[in-house]
């Protein structure tokens, strides 16, 4: 695992359990993925992304932040509905 991916994973684990975090990127591309957590219940998209980026923006350098494309944020119910639809 690339050093930046490991750093992002460790920072996300400050807010989320490891099994809630999924990375989805090709080698050499920007880091992206999704997070499925009950912590997103009742939060709109903006609040969810603020939660995700709270520790990332504080603890990653500008160059490191440029390597992170972003993460989709789902509640467990949303993830289940999406999986059942496809």
Protein backbone atom coordinates (compact mmCIF):
# COMPACT_ATOMS: atom_id res chain seq x y z
CA UNK A 1 0.00 0.00 0.00
CA UNK A 2 1.35 3.39 -0.93
CA UNK A 3 2.44 5.58 1.95
CA UNK A 4 -0.21 8.23 1.22
CA UNK A 5 -2.97 5.61 1.09
CA UNK A 6 -1.84 4.23 4.45
CA UNK A 7 -1.77 7.74 5.91
CA UNK A 8 -5.29 8.47 4.63
CA UNK A 9 -6.53 5.16 6.03
CA UNK A 10 -5.03 5.90 9.46
CA UNK A 11 -6.62 9.36 9.50
CA UNK A 12 -10.02 8.01 8.47
CA UNK A 13 -9.79 5.40 11.23
CA UNK A 14 -9.88 8.28 13.73
CA UNK A 15 -13.55 8.73 12.74
CA UNK A 16 -14.60 5.37 11.29
CA UNK A 17 -14.01 1.65 11.89
CA UNK A 18 -11.58 0.02 9.50
CA UNK A 19 -14.30 -2.22 8.04
CA UNK A 20 -16.35 0.87 7.11
CA UNK A 21 -13.62 2.24 4.82
CA UNK A 22 -13.12 0.94 1.27
CA UNK A 23 -10.51 2.22 -1.18
CA UNK A 24 -11.26 2.05 -4.88
CA UNK A 25 -8.52 3.28 -7.17
CA UNK A 26 -6.09 2.17 -9.77
CA UNK A 27 -2.35 2.28 -9.07
CA UNK A 28 -0.93 5.66 -10.00
CA UNK A 29 -4.30 7.39 -9.80
CA UNK A 30 -5.77 9.58 -7.11
CA UNK A 31 -7.16 7.94 -3.98
CA UNK A 32 -10.90 7.43 -3.81
CA UNK A 33 -13.38 5.08 -2.24
CA UNK A 34 -16.42 4.95 -0.07
CA UNK A 35 -17.33 4.85 3.58
CA UNK A 36 -20.41 3.06 4.91
CA UNK A 37 -21.20 4.18 8.43
CA UNK A 38 -24.19 4.66 10.72
CA UNK A 39 -22.52 7.95 11.70
CA UNK A 40 -23.98 9.41 8.47
CA UNK A 41 -27.58 8.83 9.59
CA UNK A 42 -29.52 12.11 9.43
CA UNK A 43 -26.65 14.02 7.80
CA UNK A 44 -26.84 15.63 4.38
CA UNK A 45 -24.10 15.14 1.79
CA UNK A 46 -22.22 18.28 2.81
CA UNK A 47 -22.12 17.33 6.50
CA UNK A 48 -20.96 13.82 5.62
CA UNK A 49 -18.07 15.14 3.55
CA UNK A 50 -17.13 17.64 6.23
CA UNK A 51 -16.90 14.71 8.65
CA UNK A 52 -14.67 12.78 6.25
CA UNK A 53 -12.39 15.72 5.49
CA UNK A 54 -12.10 17.07 9.05
CA UNK A 55 -8.94 15.10 9.89
CA UNK A 56 -7.71 14.77 6.30
CA UNK A 57 -7.54 18.50 5.65
CA UNK A 58 -5.80 19.16 8.96
CA UNK A 59 -3.23 16.36 8.75
CA UNK A 60 -2.38 16.09 5.06
CA UNK A 61 -0.11 18.48 3.23
CA UNK A 62 -1.45 20.32 0.18
CA UNK A 63 0.41 17.89 -2.10
CA UNK A 64 -1.04 14.90 -0.21
CA UNK A 65 -4.58 16.35 -0.38
CA UNK A 66 -4.18 16.68 -4.15
CA UNK A 67 -3.72 12.91 -4.32
CA UNK A 68 -7.13 12.29 -2.71
CA UNK A 69 -10.04 12.45 -5.14
CA UNK A 70 -12.70 11.85 -2.51
CA UNK A 71 -14.96 9.34 -0.80
CA UNK A 72 -18.63 8.57 -1.24
CA UNK A 73 -20.53 8.46 2.04
CA UNK A 74 -23.39 6.03 2.64
CA UNK A 75 -25.44 4.89 5.59
CA UNK A 76 -25.77 1.10 5.94
CA UNK A 77 -29.37 1.29 4.66
CA UNK A 78 -28.31 3.31 1.61
CA UNK A 79 -25.51 0.86 0.88
CA UNK A 80 -27.92 -2.08 1.13
CA UNK A 81 -30.46 -0.40 -1.16
CA UNK A 82 -27.74 0.37 -3.70
CA UNK A 83 -26.45 -3.21 -3.62
CA UNK A 84 -29.96 -4.58 -4.11
CA UNK A 85 -30.61 -2.25 -7.05
CA UNK A 86 -27.55 -3.46 -8.92
